[in-house]
Protein backbone atom coordinates (compact mmCIF):
# COMPACT_ATOMS: atom_id res chain seq x y z
CA UNK A 1 65.94 77.97 126.82
CA UNK A 2 65.59 77.33 130.62
CA UNK A 3 66.36 73.85 132.20
CA UNK A 4 62.88 73.55 133.54
CA UNK A 5 61.36 73.73 129.82
CA UNK A 6 64.04 71.15 128.44
CA UNK A 7 61.59 68.19 128.64
CA UNK A 8 58.97 69.79 126.56
CA UNK A 9 61.59 71.24 124.10
CA UNK A 10 62.93 67.87 123.55
CA UNK A 11 59.57 66.30 123.01
CA UNK A 12 58.88 68.95 120.34
CA UNK A 13 62.31 68.43 118.82
CA UNK A 14 61.55 64.63 118.55
CA UNK A 15 57.97 65.32 117.07
CA UNK A 16 59.43 67.64 114.50
CA UNK A 17 62.08 65.09 113.54
CA UNK A 18 59.25 62.49 112.91
CA UNK A 19 60.80 59.87 115.12
CA UNK A 20 58.66 57.68 117.24
CA UNK A 21 59.34 57.76 121.12
CA UNK A 22 60.27 54.20 121.14
CA UNK A 23 62.86 54.70 118.40
CA UNK A 24 64.61 57.62 120.28
CA UNK A 25 64.50 55.88 123.66
CA UNK A 26 66.07 52.84 122.16
CA UNK A 27 68.86 54.94 120.41
CA UNK A 28 69.35 56.93 123.78
CA UNK A 29 69.65 53.56 125.76
CA UNK A 30 66.89 54.29 128.06
CA UNK A 31 63.43 52.96 128.65
CA UNK A 32 60.32 54.39 126.80
CA UNK A 33 58.83 55.28 130.22
CA UNK A 34 61.90 57.29 131.27
CA UNK A 35 61.69 59.30 128.01
CA UNK A 36 58.04 59.84 128.56
CA UNK A 37 58.71 61.20 132.03
CA UNK A 38 61.41 63.54 130.66
CA UNK A 39 59.25 64.82 127.95
CA UNK A 40 56.29 65.37 130.31
CA UNK A 41 58.46 67.14 132.78
CA UNK A 42 58.03 64.59 135.44
CA UNK A 43 61.76 63.69 135.69
CA UNK A 44 64.47 66.23 135.22
CA UNK A 45 66.90 64.86 132.42
CA UNK A 46 70.56 64.36 133.41
CA UNK A 47 73.23 65.96 131.14
CA UNK A 48 73.81 62.23 129.81
CA UNK A 49 70.19 61.82 129.20
CA UNK A 50 69.99 64.98 127.20
CA UNK A 51 73.25 64.14 125.15
CA UNK A 52 71.92 60.72 124.43
CA UNK A 53 68.47 61.95 123.41
CA UNK A 54 69.75 64.63 120.83
CA UNK A 55 72.22 62.17 119.56
CA UNK A 56 69.24 59.71 118.83
CA UNK A 57 67.27 62.29 117.32
CA UNK A 58 70.23 63.31 115.12
CA UNK A 59 70.18 67.12 115.49
CA UNK A 60 72.69 69.56 113.99
CA UNK A 61 75.72 70.58 115.88
CA UNK A 62 74.21 74.05 116.47
CA UNK A 63 70.91 72.81 117.91
CA UNK A 64 72.63 70.25 120.24
CA UNK A 65 75.00 73.05 121.61
CA UNK A 66 71.77 75.23 122.42
CA UNK A 67 70.07 72.17 124.16
CA UNK A 68 73.12 71.10 126.17
CA UNK A 69 73.83 74.53 127.23
CA UNK A 70 70.45 74.51 128.93
CA UNK A 71 71.18 71.13 130.49
CA UNK A 72 74.44 72.58 131.80
CA UNK A 73 72.74 75.26 133.97
CA UNK A 74 73.73 73.12 137.00
CA UNK A 75 77.49 72.73 136.42
CA UNK A 76 77.60 69.66 138.59
CA UNK A 77 75.45 66.58 138.72
CA UNK A 78 75.58 63.67 141.12
CA UNK A 79 73.97 60.31 140.62
CA UNK A 80 73.97 57.92 143.57
CA UNK A 81 75.08 54.49 142.70
CA UNK A 82 71.91 53.03 144.46
CA UNK A 83 69.93 54.70 141.61
CA UNK A 84 72.27 53.28 139.04
CA UNK A 85 71.60 49.67 140.72
CA UNK A 86 67.75 50.39 140.40
CA UNK A 87 68.10 51.45 136.68
CA UNK A 88 70.46 48.36 136.07
CA UNK A 89 74.13 48.25 135.59
CA UNK A 90 73.56 46.86 132.10
CA UNK A 91 71.60 49.84 131.04
CA UNK A 92 74.12 51.99 132.67
CA UNK A 93 76.66 50.47 130.52
CA UNK A 94 74.45 51.09 127.43
CA UNK A 95 74.22 54.76 128.34
CA UNK A 96 78.05 55.12 128.56
CA UNK A 97 78.35 53.37 125.20
CA UNK A 98 75.92 55.87 123.66
CA UNK A 99 78.03 58.98 125.13
CA UNK A 100 81.41 57.36 124.07
CA UNK A 101 80.00 56.85 120.46
CA UNK A 102 79.55 60.63 120.34
CA UNK A 103 83.11 61.34 121.87
CA UNK A 104 86.09 61.94 119.74
CA UNK A 105 88.81 62.34 122.40
CA UNK A 106 88.49 60.12 125.76
CA UNK A 107 91.12 60.70 128.36
CA UNK A 108 90.86 58.41 131.27
CA UNK A 109 92.97 58.42 134.50
CA UNK A 110 92.56 55.08 136.57
CA UNK A 111 94.42 54.70 139.79
CA UNK A 112 92.00 51.70 141.04
CA UNK A 113 91.15 49.30 138.28
CA UNK A 114 91.83 48.41 134.71
CA UNK A 115 89.72 50.99 132.59
CA UNK A 116 86.25 49.18 131.40
CA UNK A 117 87.32 49.58 127.71
CA UNK A 118 90.39 47.57 128.38
CA UNK A 119 89.16 44.74 130.62
CA UNK A 120 88.90 41.07 129.61
CA UNK A 121 85.77 39.06 130.12
CA UNK A 122 87.15 37.43 133.18
CA UNK A 123 88.31 40.87 134.74
CA UNK A 124 84.67 42.43 134.02
CA UNK A 125 83.22 39.39 135.64
CA UNK A 126 85.18 39.85 138.52
CA UNK A 127 84.44 43.56 138.99
CA UNK A 128 80.68 43.16 138.68
CA UNK A 129 80.44 39.94 140.78
CA UNK A 130 80.97 42.30 143.76
CA UNK A 131 77.68 44.15 143.04
CA UNK A 132 75.59 41.00 144.20
CA UNK A 133 73.76 40.86 141.01
CA UNK A 134 71.76 37.82 139.91
CA UNK A 135 73.15 35.49 137.49
CA UNK A 136 71.18 36.95 134.56
CA UNK A 137 71.76 40.57 135.63
CA UNK A 138 75.59 39.70 135.90
CA UNK A 139 75.47 38.24 132.31
CA UNK A 140 73.71 41.22 130.75
CA UNK A 141 76.09 43.82 132.48
CA UNK A 142 79.25 41.92 131.37
CA UNK A 143 77.96 41.52 127.94
CA UNK A 144 77.00 45.44 127.86
CA UNK A 145 80.56 46.30 129.00
CA UNK A 146 82.16 44.22 126.53
CA UNK A 147 79.78 45.63 123.74
CA UNK A 148 81.39 48.99 124.50
CA UNK A 149 84.89 48.01 123.61
CA UNK A 150 84.13 48.00 119.88
CA UNK A 151 84.43 51.62 120.03
CA UNK A 152 88.23 51.32 120.25
CA UNK A 153 88.24 50.40 116.56
CA UNK A 154 86.21 53.10 115.39
CA UNK A 155 87.82 55.63 112.94
CA UNK A 156 88.19 59.21 113.97
CA UNK A 157 88.32 58.56 117.66
CA UNK A 158 91.40 58.75 119.99
CA UNK A 159 91.81 57.26 123.37
CA UNK A 160 94.31 58.21 126.08
CA UNK A 161 94.56 56.08 129.23
CA UNK A 162 96.79 56.88 132.15
CA UNK A 163 96.81 53.98 134.65
CA UNK A 164 98.87 53.79 138.00
CA UNK A 165 101.14 50.85 138.40
CA UNK A 166 99.42 49.46 141.50
CA UNK A 167 96.37 48.74 139.23
CA UNK A 168 98.32 46.14 137.40
CA UNK A 169 99.18 44.42 140.66
CA UNK A 170 95.68 44.72 142.36
CA UNK A 171 94.64 41.20 143.43
CA UNK A 172 90.91 40.96 142.24
CA UNK A 173 91.45 38.17 140.03
CA UNK A 174 93.96 35.00 140.23
CA UNK A 175 97.45 35.38 138.82
CA UNK A 176 96.75 33.60 135.51
CA UNK A 177 93.69 35.67 134.93
CA UNK A 178 95.82 38.94 135.43
CA UNK A 179 98.38 37.50 132.99
CA UNK A 180 95.57 37.51 130.29
CA UNK A 181 94.57 41.07 131.38
CA UNK A 182 98.13 42.35 131.02
CA UNK A 183 98.43 40.66 127.69
CA UNK A 184 95.14 42.65 126.65
CA UNK A 185 96.73 46.02 127.63
CA UNK A 186 99.77 45.18 125.57
CA UNK A 187 97.75 44.15 122.53
CA UNK A 188 95.25 47.22 122.74
CA UNK A 189 98.26 49.50 123.35
CA UNK A 190 99.51 48.61 119.54
CA UNK A 191 96.14 50.19 118.13
CA UNK A 192 97.12 53.45 116.35
CA UNK A 193 94.52 55.66 117.93
CA UNK A 194 95.13 54.25 121.60
CA UNK A 195 97.76 55.60 123.89
CA UNK A 196 98.23 53.65 127.25
CA UNK A 197 100.63 55.03 129.83
CA UNK A 198 101.62 53.46 133.20
CA UNK A 199 102.52 55.70 136.12
CA UNK A 200 105.39 53.61 137.61
CA UNK A 201 105.90 53.44 141.31
CA UNK A 202 109.53 54.23 140.87
CA UNK A 203 108.95 57.58 139.21
CA UNK A 204 108.98 60.92 141.12
CA UNK A 205 105.58 62.42 141.21
CA UNK A 206 104.29 65.90 141.43
CA UNK A 207 100.71 65.22 142.14
CA UNK A 208 98.52 62.59 144.04
CA UNK A 209 96.22 59.90 142.38
CA UNK A 210 92.99 60.75 144.31
CA UNK A 211 90.30 58.97 142.27
CA UNK A 212 89.52 57.94 138.68
CA UNK A 213 87.99 60.34 136.23
CA UNK A 214 87.17 60.56 132.56
CA UNK A 215 87.23 63.53 130.15
CA UNK A 216 85.07 63.28 127.17
CA UNK A 217 86.13 65.86 124.61
CA UNK A 218 86.12 69.14 126.45
CA UNK A 219 82.55 68.83 127.28
CA UNK A 220 82.26 66.83 130.61
CA UNK A 221 84.29 65.16 133.33
CA UNK A 222 82.92 62.12 135.03
CA UNK A 223 84.22 61.16 138.56
CA UNK A 224 83.46 57.77 140.19
CA UNK A 225 83.09 58.32 144.06
CA UNK A 226 82.28 55.59 146.56
CA UNK A 227 78.73 56.61 146.90
CA UNK A 228 78.01 58.24 143.48
CA UNK A 229 79.03 59.36 139.95
CA UNK A 230 79.53 62.91 139.44
CA UNK A 231 79.43 64.66 136.08
CA UNK A 232 80.87 68.19 135.67
CA UNK A 233 80.52 70.59 132.76
CA UNK A 234 81.95 73.98 134.00
CA UNK A 235 84.83 74.80 131.73
CA UNK A 236 86.84 75.68 134.79
CA UNK A 237 86.44 72.19 136.39
CA UNK A 238 87.23 70.44 133.07
CA UNK A 239 90.32 72.40 132.75
CA UNK A 240 91.47 71.34 136.23
CA UNK A 241 90.94 67.68 135.48
CA UNK A 242 92.65 68.24 131.94
CA UNK A 243 95.84 69.64 133.71
CA UNK A 244 95.83 66.77 136.40
CA UNK A 245 95.64 64.27 133.55
CA UNK A 246 98.42 65.85 131.71
CA UNK A 247 100.55 66.01 134.80
CA UNK A 248 100.41 62.21 135.27
CA UNK A 249 100.62 61.57 131.54
CA UNK A 250 103.99 63.36 131.44
CA UNK A 251 105.27 61.27 134.34
CA UNK A 252 103.95 57.94 132.91
CA UNK A 253 106.03 55.58 130.63
CA UNK A 254 104.64 54.70 127.17
CA UNK A 255 104.96 52.64 124.12
CA UNK A 256 108.02 50.20 124.50
CA UNK A 257 108.89 51.22 127.88
CA UNK A 258 105.33 50.88 128.96
CA UNK A 259 105.17 47.46 127.36
CA UNK A 260 108.41 46.19 129.13
CA UNK A 261 106.71 47.41 132.53
CA UNK A 262 103.77 45.35 131.91
CA UNK A 263 105.73 42.38 130.60
CA UNK A 264 107.85 42.47 133.85
CA UNK A 265 104.71 42.42 136.16
CA UNK A 266 103.31 39.64 133.99
CA UNK A 267 106.48 37.53 134.58
CA UNK A 268 105.90 37.96 138.37
CA UNK A 269 102.57 36.52 138.06
CA UNK A 270 103.72 33.69 136.13
CA UNK A 271 106.54 32.75 138.58
CA UNK A 272 103.98 33.12 141.41
CA UNK A 273 101.58 30.62 139.56
CA UNK A 274 104.41 28.27 139.03
CA UNK A 275 105.69 28.14 142.51
CA UNK A 276 102.14 28.54 144.40
């Protein structure tokens, strides 16, 4: 199957399944009009779009592999943030949620912010308040990001987070809010399927942080740049990011040592609040 024929093939697959377009669109976290444009060949579907549509239809693993192979003809896909803004940040969060629901192993490296799945409501609010959204847009986006976090409690899924220590000290929220955020990290770290590791500033390093990225199973790597989100599917690129993730993971502290490090930073924020 050629990527240029993917839209019509997806439409045929949906019609064969007996599902209405509005049902598939809802399950794929996209508008009915967007699905129509994809099916009619007016809009080229992204890898994420194809993944979400196939999951909404409920195809077999064999069929999904065939269609995803066609979607991956272009190994790297770039989506400018201005387009995400036009789509709506809340809709983007719903798309990410749909992908995470289909992911068994999520590995995420974050040198800039607390990962979205681990953020408190106050922290989420502070992150998206910088996007110049309207009050209603902000409320929908915050709600959509928080809704994603329920996946942490799903059976059969594993989450591995590697976070650099400066993230825990970055002042995008007041000290007491950061205390609550650090408490959240400690709490979630006790879930049996969640591994949170901190790359301490005092630890000798063999690599450089660069930028955040997430690896979904061994299927895709998503990188957030200043101007755009980049999704890669070439196995060679994925392996490069897996290797980088593992290098930082090996140098990071985990479990009790990780919680002690977070507790120490937490105490610093509390002292600052008391003396401020």
